[in-house]
Amino acid sequence: MSRTVDWRVSVGLLGTVYRYLAVPLAVPVVVAVLYRESPLPFLVTVVAALVVGVGLERLGTDRELGHREAFLLVALVWLAVPLLGTLPYLVAGEGTVATPANALFESMSGFTTTGATVLGEISVDTHGHAMLMWRQLTQWLGGMGILVLMVAILPELSVGGTALIREEAPGFSVEQLTPRIRETARILWLIYLGFTVLAALTYYGLHALGYAPNMGVYNAVAHALTTMPTGGFSPMARSIEAFSPAVQWAVTGFMLVAGTNFALFWYAATGEPGELLGNTEFRSYLLAVGAVGVGVAALLLTGAGLATVPETVPTIPGSLERSLRHGLFQAAAIVTTTGYASMDFNTWSEPAQAVLLFAMFLGGSAGSAAGSVKIVRWYVVARSVRRELFTTIHPDAVRPIRLGDATVDESTLRGLVTFVLLFLLLFVLSTVVVFLEGLTNPDLELTALEAASAAIATLGNVGPGFGVVGPMDSYLPFSAAAKLYMVVAMWLGRLEVISVLVILTPSFWQS
């Protein structure tokens, strides 16, 4: 029997999420104490999270979380949590994030792991160690999914946990690793936490061995927190370019890990390495990163990939190591939507930038922290096109689409194609909006390529684009209205469009 959506259930559980968000805010408080900075912005946010959380919980009911309530809760959480995340920026009142539009942009970019920024100056001298650590932490919290974490620790969310994880987690399917969804959520977060710790130890280990002079404890932890969620925020103004080649190679490896389906690591750890090595999506993902990386490296090696030679980077043409390092690094950063930069690719030629623009649409694996369309979707779309061509010639043939040993059913295929079409339509719309902003805003001069890069960088949660939104620049020159539009684009992209659009349909609210 159908019923109307019970919004009070969703709002009450949103209050529970808010209340528990007070816990990770202890991290920047500790950092503030260690560096003798004011913890006030974070203490105010803790109080706000507790007060608002308890208030929303009282509005809730004991009714069971249904399918539609799960949709609503996911959409609300990913709007309300970034709103809470603006408070430290606003209370501190320092730098360009002291205004509401800019603070919301930075917070939404953080939690959605987009990595686009409006900080006019990224420096601990301007914003403090604690504030920049909070900025890093927002990406880590959003990477594996806020509600996936909550399902893992809160018994009240385990009843509707399957629906929550399905609608929130990146990718068109999330495999249940154990009979209980709560245990699956815990496994995913433990893998995520384990790789984060390993990344931090590796980065600091390079420092201890003398290979990374400026990769101290703070930078090692800060970058580990944004590598694994494929976020790309850095407390360094020049991103990963500020570090040694050894660090850049290490970050490349961890970005590849972050863009892989985390469930495959579980199988490998439990004695089934063939599930990882033989996985069709995993092989396609590595092939995509390799093809983009080698293609860019070839352009850099011959000199065709550089429009100008950047002063901050040694000469690249003719150096195989430098060409491969920067080519593979940027390929991994863009395909996995991490958004780090080992050099300013605004200095690259149009052919090299065109390759990166193409890579922004790929995305990593389903079940990873990566954004954009995802490799598995493109793989299935390609197989679908191939089948359509075959059945046009042989209309009586029955040819199912296979993903490894599994058959993709027609309803899944329809949903997948619908998502890709909606994503591409929103990209076109966003490109037009950004380009019109460039025509009307005297502070902006955007080419069509730069407008397209800004559109896919926000909708696909990639982060940097070209031109004024390049990896060493920021989205600061855009108007408040344009930034708010991009906030919506980042929200849509993180929840993969359909989970948001469905709650805007009249049938969602009707019985």
Protein backbone atom coordinates (compact mmCIF):
# COMPACT_ATOMS: atom_id res chain seq x y z
CA MET A 1 0.00 0.00 0.00
CA SER A 2 1.49 3.34 -1.04
CA ARG A 3 1.75 6.31 1.32
CA THR A 4 3.00 9.87 1.22
CA VAL A 5 6.60 10.55 2.17
CA ASP A 6 7.05 11.13 5.91
CA TRP A 7 9.46 14.07 5.92
CA ARG A 8 9.59 14.06 9.72
CA VAL A 9 11.47 10.75 9.69
CA SER A 10 14.12 12.22 7.40
CA VAL A 11 14.40 15.46 9.35
CA GLY A 12 14.71 13.60 12.65
CA LEU A 13 17.55 11.45 11.33
CA LEU A 14 19.20 14.56 9.88
CA GLY A 15 19.27 15.85 13.46
CA THR A 16 21.07 12.67 14.54
CA VAL A 17 23.67 13.18 11.81
CA TYR A 18 24.15 16.79 12.91
CA ARG A 19 24.61 15.75 16.53
CA TYR A 20 27.33 13.24 15.68
CA LEU A 21 29.15 15.72 13.44
CA ALA A 22 30.23 17.46 16.63
CA VAL A 23 32.72 14.59 17.15
CA PRO A 24 35.07 15.18 14.16
CA LEU A 25 35.13 18.89 15.00
CA ALA A 26 37.40 17.90 17.88
CA VAL A 27 40.22 17.47 15.33
CA PRO A 28 40.59 21.16 14.38
CA VAL A 29 40.08 22.10 18.06
CA VAL A 30 43.12 19.97 18.99
CA VAL A 31 45.12 21.41 16.08
CA ALA A 32 44.20 24.94 17.20
CA VAL A 33 45.43 24.20 20.73
CA LEU A 34 48.69 22.68 19.43
CA TYR A 35 49.45 25.68 17.23
CA ARG A 36 48.16 28.20 19.79
CA GLU A 37 45.32 29.39 17.56
CA SER A 38 41.78 30.25 18.56
CA PRO A 39 39.48 27.20 18.76
CA LEU A 40 36.40 29.47 18.95
CA PRO A 41 35.15 28.93 15.34
CA PHE A 42 35.04 25.18 15.90
CA LEU A 43 33.59 25.33 19.41
CA VAL A 44 30.77 27.54 18.12
CA THR A 45 30.15 24.99 15.35
CA VAL A 46 30.08 22.15 17.91
CA VAL A 47 27.42 23.98 19.93
CA ALA A 48 25.40 24.72 16.78
CA ALA A 49 25.59 21.08 15.66
CA LEU A 50 24.38 19.83 19.05
CA VAL A 51 21.59 22.40 19.49
CA VAL A 52 20.22 22.12 15.95
CA GLY A 53 20.70 18.35 15.96
CA VAL A 54 18.71 17.83 19.15
CA GLY A 55 16.00 20.21 17.91
CA LEU A 56 15.61 18.35 14.62
CA GLU A 57 15.55 14.99 16.40
CA ARG A 58 12.55 16.15 18.41
CA LEU A 59 10.70 16.84 15.15
CA GLY A 60 11.26 13.27 14.05
CA THR A 61 9.03 10.24 14.48
CA ASP A 62 9.66 6.57 15.22
CA ARG A 63 8.28 5.57 11.83
CA GLU A 64 10.52 3.28 9.78
CA LEU A 65 12.78 4.84 7.15
CA GLY A 66 11.23 3.95 3.81
CA HIS A 67 12.63 4.19 0.28
CA ARG A 68 11.36 7.72 -0.34
CA GLU A 69 12.42 8.91 3.12
CA ALA A 70 15.91 7.60 2.29
CA PHE A 71 15.99 9.70 -0.90
CA LEU A 72 14.93 12.77 1.06
CA LEU A 73 17.40 12.16 3.89
CA VAL A 74 20.34 11.79 1.48
CA ALA A 75 19.47 15.04 -0.33
CA LEU A 76 18.93 16.91 2.95
CA VAL A 77 22.16 15.69 4.55
CA TRP A 78 24.26 16.77 1.58
CA LEU A 79 22.73 20.25 1.74
CA ALA A 80 22.61 20.67 5.52
CA VAL A 81 26.09 19.36 6.35
CA PRO A 82 27.89 21.83 4.03
CA LEU A 83 25.72 24.59 5.54
CA LEU A 84 27.02 23.63 8.98
CA GLY A 85 30.52 23.50 7.53
CA THR A 86 30.38 27.20 6.66
CA LEU A 87 30.27 28.25 10.33
CA PRO A 88 34.03 27.96 11.07
CA TYR A 89 34.81 30.14 8.04
CA LEU A 90 32.18 32.73 8.94
CA VAL A 91 32.98 32.86 12.66
CA ALA A 92 36.71 33.21 11.97
CA GLY A 93 35.92 36.01 9.50
CA GLU A 94 39.33 35.78 7.81
CA GLY A 95 40.22 35.84 4.13
CA THR A 96 37.91 35.48 1.17
CA VAL A 97 35.75 32.77 2.81
CA ALA A 98 34.35 35.26 5.34
CA THR A 99 31.27 35.95 3.16
CA PRO A 100 28.28 33.55 3.08
CA ALA A 101 28.43 32.72 -0.65
CA ASN A 102 32.16 32.03 -0.57
CA ALA A 103 31.95 30.06 2.68
CA LEU A 104 29.16 27.87 1.27
CA PHE A 105 31.10 27.34 -1.96
CA GLU A 106 34.23 26.25 -0.05
CA SER A 107 32.25 24.02 2.31
CA MET A 108 30.22 22.34 -0.45
CA SER A 109 33.39 21.86 -2.49
CA GLY A 110 34.98 20.26 0.55
CA PHE A 111 32.25 17.83 1.54
CA THR A 112 31.51 16.83 -2.08
CA THR A 113 35.29 16.33 -2.58
CA THR A 114 35.22 18.66 -5.56
CA GLY A 115 38.35 20.59 -4.65
CA ALA A 116 37.35 23.87 -6.32
CA THR A 117 38.31 26.78 -4.10
CA VAL A 118 37.59 30.47 -3.58
CA LEU A 119 40.51 31.06 -1.22
CA GLY A 120 42.33 34.10 -2.53
CA GLU A 121 45.44 33.06 -0.63
CA ILE A 122 46.06 29.52 0.61
CA SER A 123 48.41 29.99 3.54
CA VAL A 124 48.57 28.97 7.19
CA ASP A 125 49.65 32.53 7.90
CA THR A 126 46.31 33.82 6.59
CA HIS A 127 43.91 31.11 7.72
CA GLY A 128 45.76 29.20 10.41
CA HIS A 129 46.68 25.52 10.72
CA ALA A 130 43.37 24.58 12.34
CA MET A 131 41.17 26.19 9.70
CA LEU A 132 43.07 24.62 6.83
CA MET A 133 42.94 21.26 8.63
CA TRP A 134 39.14 21.65 8.94
CA ARG A 135 39.08 22.32 5.19
CA GLN A 136 41.01 19.07 4.61
CA LEU A 137 38.78 17.15 7.04
CA THR A 138 35.58 18.15 5.23
CA GLN A 139 36.82 16.26 2.18
CA TRP A 140 37.77 13.18 4.17
CA LEU A 141 34.33 13.06 5.82
CA GLY A 142 32.58 13.39 2.47
CA GLY A 143 34.78 10.98 0.54
CA MET A 144 33.40 7.60 1.55
CA GLY A 145 30.01 9.08 2.39
CA ILE A 146 28.67 10.76 5.51
CA LEU A 147 25.66 8.46 5.66
CA VAL A 148 27.79 5.37 4.98
CA LEU A 149 29.70 6.35 8.12
CA MET A 150 26.49 6.93 10.04
CA VAL A 151 25.07 3.56 8.98
CA ALA A 152 28.28 1.99 10.31
CA ILE A 153 27.95 3.53 13.77
CA LEU A 154 24.25 4.26 14.34
CA PRO A 155 21.81 1.38 14.89
CA GLU A 156 18.82 3.62 14.07
CA LEU A 157 20.08 3.97 10.49
CA SER A 158 20.84 0.30 9.88
CA VAL A 159 17.18 -0.52 9.06
CA GLY A 160 17.17 1.63 5.93
CA GLY A 161 20.92 1.45 5.48
CA THR A 162 20.83 -0.39 2.17
CA ALA A 163 18.72 2.33 0.55
CA LEU A 164 20.88 5.09 2.06
CA ILE A 165 24.14 3.60 0.83
CA ARG A 166 22.70 2.88 -2.59
CA GLU A 167 21.58 6.48 -3.06
CA GLU A 168 24.63 8.15 -1.51
CA ALA A 169 27.66 6.05 -2.44
CA PRO A 170 29.35 6.90 -5.76
CA GLY A 171 28.64 4.52 -8.62
CA PHE A 172 25.53 2.80 -9.95
CA SER A 173 25.82 -0.17 -7.59
CA VAL A 174 27.36 -0.91 -4.22
CA GLU A 175 28.03 -4.54 -3.48
CA GLN A 176 26.95 -5.79 -0.08
CA LEU A 177 30.04 -7.54 1.31
CA THR A 178 28.34 -9.14 4.32
CA PRO A 179 24.75 -10.16 5.14
CA ARG A 180 24.39 -7.07 7.35
CA ILE A 181 24.61 -3.69 5.62
CA ARG A 182 25.98 -2.14 8.81
CA GLU A 183 28.99 -4.49 8.65
CA THR A 184 29.50 -3.64 4.97
CA ALA A 185 29.57 0.07 5.83
CA ARG A 186 32.11 -0.59 8.57
CA ILE A 187 34.34 -2.58 6.22
CA LEU A 188 34.30 0.16 3.59
CA TRP A 189 35.19 2.82 6.15
CA LEU A 190 37.92 0.68 7.72
CA ILE A 191 39.52 0.19 4.29
CA TYR A 192 39.23 3.92 3.68
CA LEU A 193 40.74 4.73 7.10
CA GLY A 194 43.51 2.17 6.64
CA PHE A 195 44.64 3.61 3.32
CA THR A 196 44.46 7.14 4.77
CA VAL A 197 46.81 6.15 7.60
CA LEU A 198 49.10 4.36 5.13
CA ALA A 199 49.22 7.44 2.90
CA ALA A 200 50.09 9.71 5.84
CA LEU A 201 52.86 7.33 6.98
CA THR A 202 54.23 7.08 3.44
CA TYR A 203 54.28 10.83 2.92
CA TYR A 204 55.96 11.44 6.27
CA GLY A 205 58.31 8.50 5.70
CA LEU A 206 59.63 10.23 2.56
CA HIS A 207 60.26 13.29 4.71
CA ALA A 208 62.07 11.26 7.37
CA LEU A 209 64.27 9.65 4.70
CA GLY A 210 65.23 13.05 3.30
CA TYR A 211 63.26 12.78 0.05
CA ALA A 212 60.60 15.38 0.98
CA PRO A 213 61.99 18.27 3.04
CA ASN A 214 58.68 20.13 3.44
CA MET A 215 56.44 17.08 4.00
CA GLY A 216 56.31 17.28 7.80
CA VAL A 217 53.66 15.71 10.03
CA TYR A 218 51.09 18.45 9.38
CA ASN A 219 51.41 18.29 5.59
CA ALA A 220 51.53 14.48 5.58
CA VAL A 221 48.25 14.20 7.52
CA ALA A 222 46.61 17.08 5.62
CA HIS A 223 47.36 15.57 2.21
CA ALA A 224 46.43 12.04 3.24
CA LEU A 225 43.01 13.42 4.28
CA THR A 226 42.41 14.72 0.75
CA THR A 227 44.14 12.05 -1.34
CA MET A 228 41.94 9.14 -0.31
CA PRO A 229 38.61 10.98 -0.77
CA THR A 230 39.87 12.16 -4.20
CA GLY A 231 39.38 15.71 -2.94
CA GLY A 232 42.45 17.70 -3.93
CA PHE A 233 42.46 20.45 -1.29
CA SER A 234 45.99 21.32 -0.18
CA PRO A 235 47.29 23.73 2.45
CA MET A 236 49.99 24.62 -0.11
CA ALA A 237 49.19 27.32 -2.67
CA ARG A 238 51.00 25.37 -5.43
CA SER A 239 49.30 22.05 -4.60
CA ILE A 240 51.59 19.00 -5.04
CA GLU A 241 53.96 21.01 -7.23
CA ALA A 242 55.35 22.32 -3.92
CA PHE A 243 56.78 18.87 -3.12
CA SER A 244 59.55 16.66 -4.45
CA PRO A 245 59.24 14.17 -7.34
CA ALA A 246 59.23 11.32 -4.79
CA VAL A 247 56.09 12.75 -3.18
CA GLN A 248 54.45 13.23 -6.58
CA TRP A 249 55.03 9.57 -7.49
CA ALA A 250 53.69 8.46 -4.09
CA VAL A 251 50.57 10.62 -4.42
CA THR A 252 49.98 9.20 -7.92
CA GLY A 253 49.90 5.69 -6.47
CA PHE A 254 47.48 6.58 -3.71
CA MET A 255 45.20 8.45 -6.13
CA LEU A 256 44.99 5.25 -8.20
CA VAL A 257 44.04 3.36 -5.03
CA ALA A 258 41.42 5.98 -4.13
CA GLY A 259 39.78 5.66 -7.55
CA THR A 260 39.44 1.86 -7.25
CA ASN A 261 36.31 0.07 -6.01
CA PHE A 262 37.06 -0.43 -2.31
CA ALA A 263 35.15 -3.71 -2.27
CA LEU A 264 37.87 -5.22 -4.48
CA PHE A 265 40.46 -4.58 -1.76
CA TRP A 266 38.25 -6.47 0.68
CA TYR A 267 38.18 -9.48 -1.62
CA ALA A 268 41.94 -9.31 -2.12
CA ALA A 269 42.51 -9.11 1.66
CA THR A 270 40.22 -12.09 2.31
CA GLY A 271 42.03 -14.43 -0.06
CA GLU A 272 40.41 -13.63 -3.41
CA PRO A 273 42.97 -11.46 -5.27
CA GLY A 274 41.52 -12.63 -8.57
CA GLU A 275 38.46 -10.46 -7.87
CA LEU A 276 40.73 -7.41 -8.11
CA LEU A 277 43.11 -8.43 -10.87
CA GLY A 278 40.43 -10.01 -13.05
CA ASN A 279 37.82 -7.28 -12.58
CA THR A 280 36.70 -5.81 -15.91
CA GLU A 281 36.06 -2.35 -14.49
CA PHE A 282 39.43 -2.26 -12.70
CA ARG A 283 41.31 -3.17 -15.87
CA SER A 284 39.35 -0.59 -17.87
CA TYR A 285 40.10 2.04 -15.21
CA LEU A 286 43.86 1.37 -15.28
CA LEU A 287 43.77 1.36 -19.09
CA ALA A 288 42.03 4.75 -19.14
CA VAL A 289 44.51 6.33 -16.71
CA GLY A 290 47.43 4.78 -18.59
CA ALA A 291 46.20 5.91 -22.01
CA VAL A 292 45.57 9.49 -20.85
CA GLY A 293 48.86 9.60 -18.93
CA VAL A 294 51.02 8.23 -21.72
CA GLY A 295 49.28 10.45 -24.27
CA VAL A 296 49.95 13.58 -22.21
CA ALA A 297 53.50 12.43 -21.42
CA ALA A 298 54.23 12.00 -25.13
CA LEU A 299 53.04 15.55 -25.81
CA LEU A 300 55.17 16.90 -22.96
CA LEU A 301 58.23 14.89 -24.00
CA THR A 302 58.18 16.26 -27.54
CA GLY A 303 57.38 19.81 -26.42
CA ALA A 304 53.98 19.77 -28.15
CA GLY A 305 52.22 19.69 -24.78
CA LEU A 306 53.52 23.04 -23.54
CA ALA A 307 52.28 26.43 -24.69
CA THR A 308 54.77 28.19 -22.39
CA VAL A 309 57.54 26.83 -20.16
CA PRO A 310 56.55 27.46 -16.50
CA GLU A 311 59.25 29.10 -14.39
CA THR A 312 58.48 26.93 -11.37
CA VAL A 313 59.07 23.62 -13.17
CA PRO A 314 62.38 22.45 -14.71
CA THR A 315 62.45 21.98 -18.47
CA ILE A 316 60.25 19.00 -19.38
CA PRO A 317 60.72 18.37 -23.13
CA GLY A 318 63.38 15.71 -23.62
CA SER A 319 63.10 14.37 -20.04
CA LEU A 320 61.34 11.00 -19.99
CA GLU A 321 61.02 10.89 -16.19
CA ARG A 322 59.56 14.39 -15.86
CA SER A 323 57.19 13.86 -18.79
CA LEU A 324 55.93 10.54 -17.45
CA ARG A 325 55.68 11.87 -13.89
CA HIS A 326 53.58 14.89 -14.80
CA GLY A 327 51.58 13.03 -17.46
CA LEU A 328 50.65 10.10 -15.22
CA PHE A 329 50.12 12.33 -12.19
CA GLN A 330 47.66 14.62 -13.98
CA ALA A 331 45.95 11.67 -15.64
CA ALA A 332 45.38 10.03 -12.25
CA ALA A 333 44.36 13.35 -10.66
CA ILE A 334 41.79 14.15 -13.36
CA VAL A 335 40.38 10.67 -14.04
CA THR A 336 39.91 10.02 -10.31
CA THR A 337 38.62 13.63 -9.94
CA THR A 338 41.18 14.32 -7.20
CA GLY A 339 42.16 17.64 -8.73
CA TYR A 340 45.72 17.85 -7.41
CA ALA A 341 48.33 19.42 -9.68
CA SER A 342 52.02 18.58 -10.05
CA MET A 343 52.40 21.65 -12.26
CA ASP A 344 50.23 24.43 -13.67
CA PHE A 345 48.53 22.82 -16.67
CA ASN A 346 47.38 26.28 -17.71
CA THR A 347 50.83 26.37 -19.32
CA TRP A 348 49.97 23.32 -21.45
CA SER A 349 49.02 23.50 -25.11
CA GLU A 350 45.42 23.20 -26.30
CA PRO A 351 45.86 19.55 -27.45
CA ALA A 352 47.13 18.55 -23.99
CA GLN A 353 44.31 20.48 -22.29
CA ALA A 354 41.78 18.84 -24.62
CA VAL A 355 43.00 15.42 -23.43
CA LEU A 356 42.49 16.52 -19.80
CA LEU A 357 39.01 17.88 -20.59
CA PHE A 358 38.10 14.48 -22.06
CA ALA A 359 39.49 12.76 -18.95
CA MET A 360 37.25 14.89 -16.69
CA PHE A 361 34.23 12.97 -18.00
CA LEU A 362 35.67 9.51 -17.24
CA GLY A 363 35.67 9.24 -13.44
CA GLY A 364 37.09 6.39 -11.40
CA SER A 365 35.45 3.13 -10.39
CA ALA A 366 32.02 2.59 -8.89
CA GLY A 367 32.31 2.08 -5.14
CA SER A 368 35.28 4.44 -4.90
CA ALA A 369 35.45 8.05 -3.76
CA ALA A 370 35.83 9.34 -7.33
CA GLY A 371 33.25 11.55 -9.03
CA SER A 372 32.12 12.24 -12.62
CA VAL A 373 30.40 9.60 -14.79
CA LYS A 374 32.50 6.52 -13.77
CA ILE A 375 34.43 4.13 -15.98
CA VAL A 376 31.92 1.30 -15.54
CA ARG A 377 29.11 3.38 -17.00
CA TRP A 378 31.12 4.27 -20.09
CA TYR A 379 32.07 0.60 -20.47
CA VAL A 380 28.44 -0.52 -20.38
CA VAL A 381 27.37 2.32 -22.71
CA ALA A 382 30.04 1.25 -25.22
CA ARG A 383 28.85 -2.36 -25.03
CA SER A 384 25.27 -1.17 -25.45
CA VAL A 385 26.16 0.77 -28.60
CA ARG A 386 28.01 -2.25 -29.92
CA ARG A 387 24.98 -4.45 -29.27
CA GLU A 388 22.67 -1.96 -30.97
CA LEU A 389 24.84 -1.98 -34.10
CA PHE A 390 24.90 -5.78 -34.09
CA THR A 391 21.14 -6.20 -33.61
CA THR A 392 20.49 -3.65 -36.37
CA ILE A 393 22.15 -6.11 -38.75
CA HIS A 394 20.77 -9.22 -36.99
CA PRO A 395 17.33 -8.17 -35.61
CA ASP A 396 16.49 -11.69 -34.34
CA ALA A 397 19.65 -12.02 -32.29
CA VAL A 398 19.53 -12.02 -28.49
CA ARG A 399 22.75 -10.51 -27.17
CA PRO A 400 22.89 -9.66 -23.45
CA ILE A 401 25.36 -7.09 -22.15
CA ARG A 402 27.88 -8.62 -19.77
CA LEU A 403 30.06 -6.98 -17.15
CA GLY A 404 32.58 -9.66 -16.33
CA ASP A 405 30.58 -12.81 -15.55
CA ALA A 406 27.41 -10.87 -14.69
CA THR A 407 24.63 -9.85 -17.08
CA VAL A 408 23.45 -6.24 -16.95
CA ASP A 409 19.65 -6.35 -16.81
CA GLU A 410 17.61 -4.00 -18.98
CA SER A 411 16.26 -1.92 -16.10
CA THR A 412 19.81 -1.22 -14.88
CA LEU A 413 20.81 -0.35 -18.44
CA ARG A 414 17.92 2.10 -18.79
CA GLY A 415 18.83 3.79 -15.51
CA LEU A 416 22.46 3.99 -16.53
CA VAL A 417 21.72 5.54 -19.93
CA THR A 418 19.27 7.98 -18.29
CA PHE A 419 21.96 9.11 -15.86
CA VAL A 420 24.55 9.65 -18.61
CA LEU A 421 22.07 11.68 -20.70
CA LEU A 422 21.02 13.80 -17.70
CA PHE A 423 24.66 14.37 -16.77
CA LEU A 424 25.55 15.50 -20.29
CA LEU A 425 22.48 17.78 -20.48
CA LEU A 426 23.39 19.39 -17.16
CA PHE A 427 26.96 19.82 -18.39
CA VAL A 428 25.74 21.67 -21.49
CA LEU A 429 23.43 23.84 -19.37
CA SER A 430 26.23 24.59 -16.90
CA THR A 431 28.62 25.48 -19.71
CA VAL A 432 26.12 28.00 -21.07
CA VAL A 433 25.55 29.49 -17.59
CA VAL A 434 29.29 29.82 -16.93
CA PHE A 435 29.97 31.27 -20.38
CA LEU A 436 27.19 33.86 -19.93
CA GLU A 437 28.72 34.74 -16.56
CA GLY A 438 31.97 35.40 -18.38
CA LEU A 439 30.21 37.76 -20.80
CA THR A 440 28.45 39.76 -18.07
CA ASN A 441 31.14 39.78 -15.36
CA PRO A 442 33.84 42.41 -16.00
CA ASP A 443 36.26 40.46 -13.79
CA LEU A 444 36.11 37.42 -16.06
CA GLU A 445 37.28 36.65 -19.57
CA LEU A 446 36.36 33.08 -20.39
CA THR A 447 36.94 31.12 -23.58
CA ALA A 448 34.52 28.33 -24.50
CA LEU A 449 37.11 25.75 -23.37
CA GLU A 450 37.52 27.45 -19.99
CA ALA A 451 33.74 27.68 -19.48
CA ALA A 452 33.34 24.00 -20.35
CA SER A 453 36.15 23.06 -17.96
CA ALA A 454 34.57 25.03 -15.09
CA ALA A 455 31.21 23.35 -15.79
CA ILE A 456 32.51 19.78 -15.76
CA ALA A 457 34.93 20.56 -12.90
CA THR A 458 32.03 21.45 -10.59
CA LEU A 459 29.35 19.06 -11.87
CA GLY A 460 31.85 16.19 -12.05
CA ASN A 461 33.47 17.11 -8.70
CA VAL A 462 36.85 17.42 -10.43
CA GLY A 463 37.93 20.79 -8.97
CA PRO A 464 40.29 22.77 -11.19
CA GLY A 465 39.72 23.65 -14.82
CA PHE A 466 41.53 25.92 -17.25
CA GLY A 467 42.17 29.64 -17.35
CA VAL A 468 40.94 31.59 -14.35
CA VAL A 469 39.85 28.34 -12.64
CA GLY A 470 43.19 26.65 -13.28
CA PRO A 471 44.96 24.53 -10.65
CA MET A 472 46.94 27.45 -9.22
CA ASP A 473 44.01 29.91 -9.39
CA SER A 474 40.51 29.96 -7.90
CA TYR A 475 36.80 30.49 -8.54
CA LEU A 476 36.90 33.74 -6.57
CA PRO A 477 36.25 36.12 -9.55
CA PHE A 478 32.80 34.58 -10.21
CA SER A 479 29.75 36.44 -8.92
CA ALA A 480 27.85 35.24 -5.86
CA ALA A 481 24.98 34.05 -8.09
CA ALA A 482 27.34 32.01 -10.26
CA LYS A 483 28.98 30.47 -7.19
CA LEU A 484 25.60 29.47 -5.80
CA TYR A 485 24.75 27.83 -9.13
CA MET A 486 28.03 25.90 -8.91
CA VAL A 487 27.16 24.89 -5.34
CA VAL A 488 23.99 23.28 -6.71
CA ALA A 489 26.03 21.65 -9.51
CA MET A 490 28.45 20.15 -6.98
CA TRP A 491 25.52 18.88 -4.90
CA LEU A 492 23.90 17.30 -7.96
CA GLY A 493 27.19 15.79 -9.09
CA ARG A 494 28.02 14.23 -5.72
CA LEU A 495 24.61 12.57 -5.49
CA GLU A 496 24.71 11.64 -9.17
CA VAL A 497 21.79 13.78 -10.31
CA ILE A 498 18.87 11.35 -10.11
CA SER A 499 18.89 11.09 -6.30
CA VAL A 500 18.28 14.85 -6.17
CA LEU A 501 15.97 15.32 -9.15
CA VAL A 502 13.63 12.56 -8.01
CA ILE A 503 12.56 14.54 -4.92
CA LEU A 504 11.57 17.45 -7.18
CA THR A 505 8.96 15.38 -9.01
CA PRO A 506 5.28 15.66 -7.86
CA SER A 507 4.90 11.86 -7.78
CA PHE A 508 7.58 11.63 -5.10
CA TRP A 509 5.35 13.47 -2.62
CA GLN A 510 2.06 11.84 -3.61
CA SER A 511 0.67 8.63 -2.15
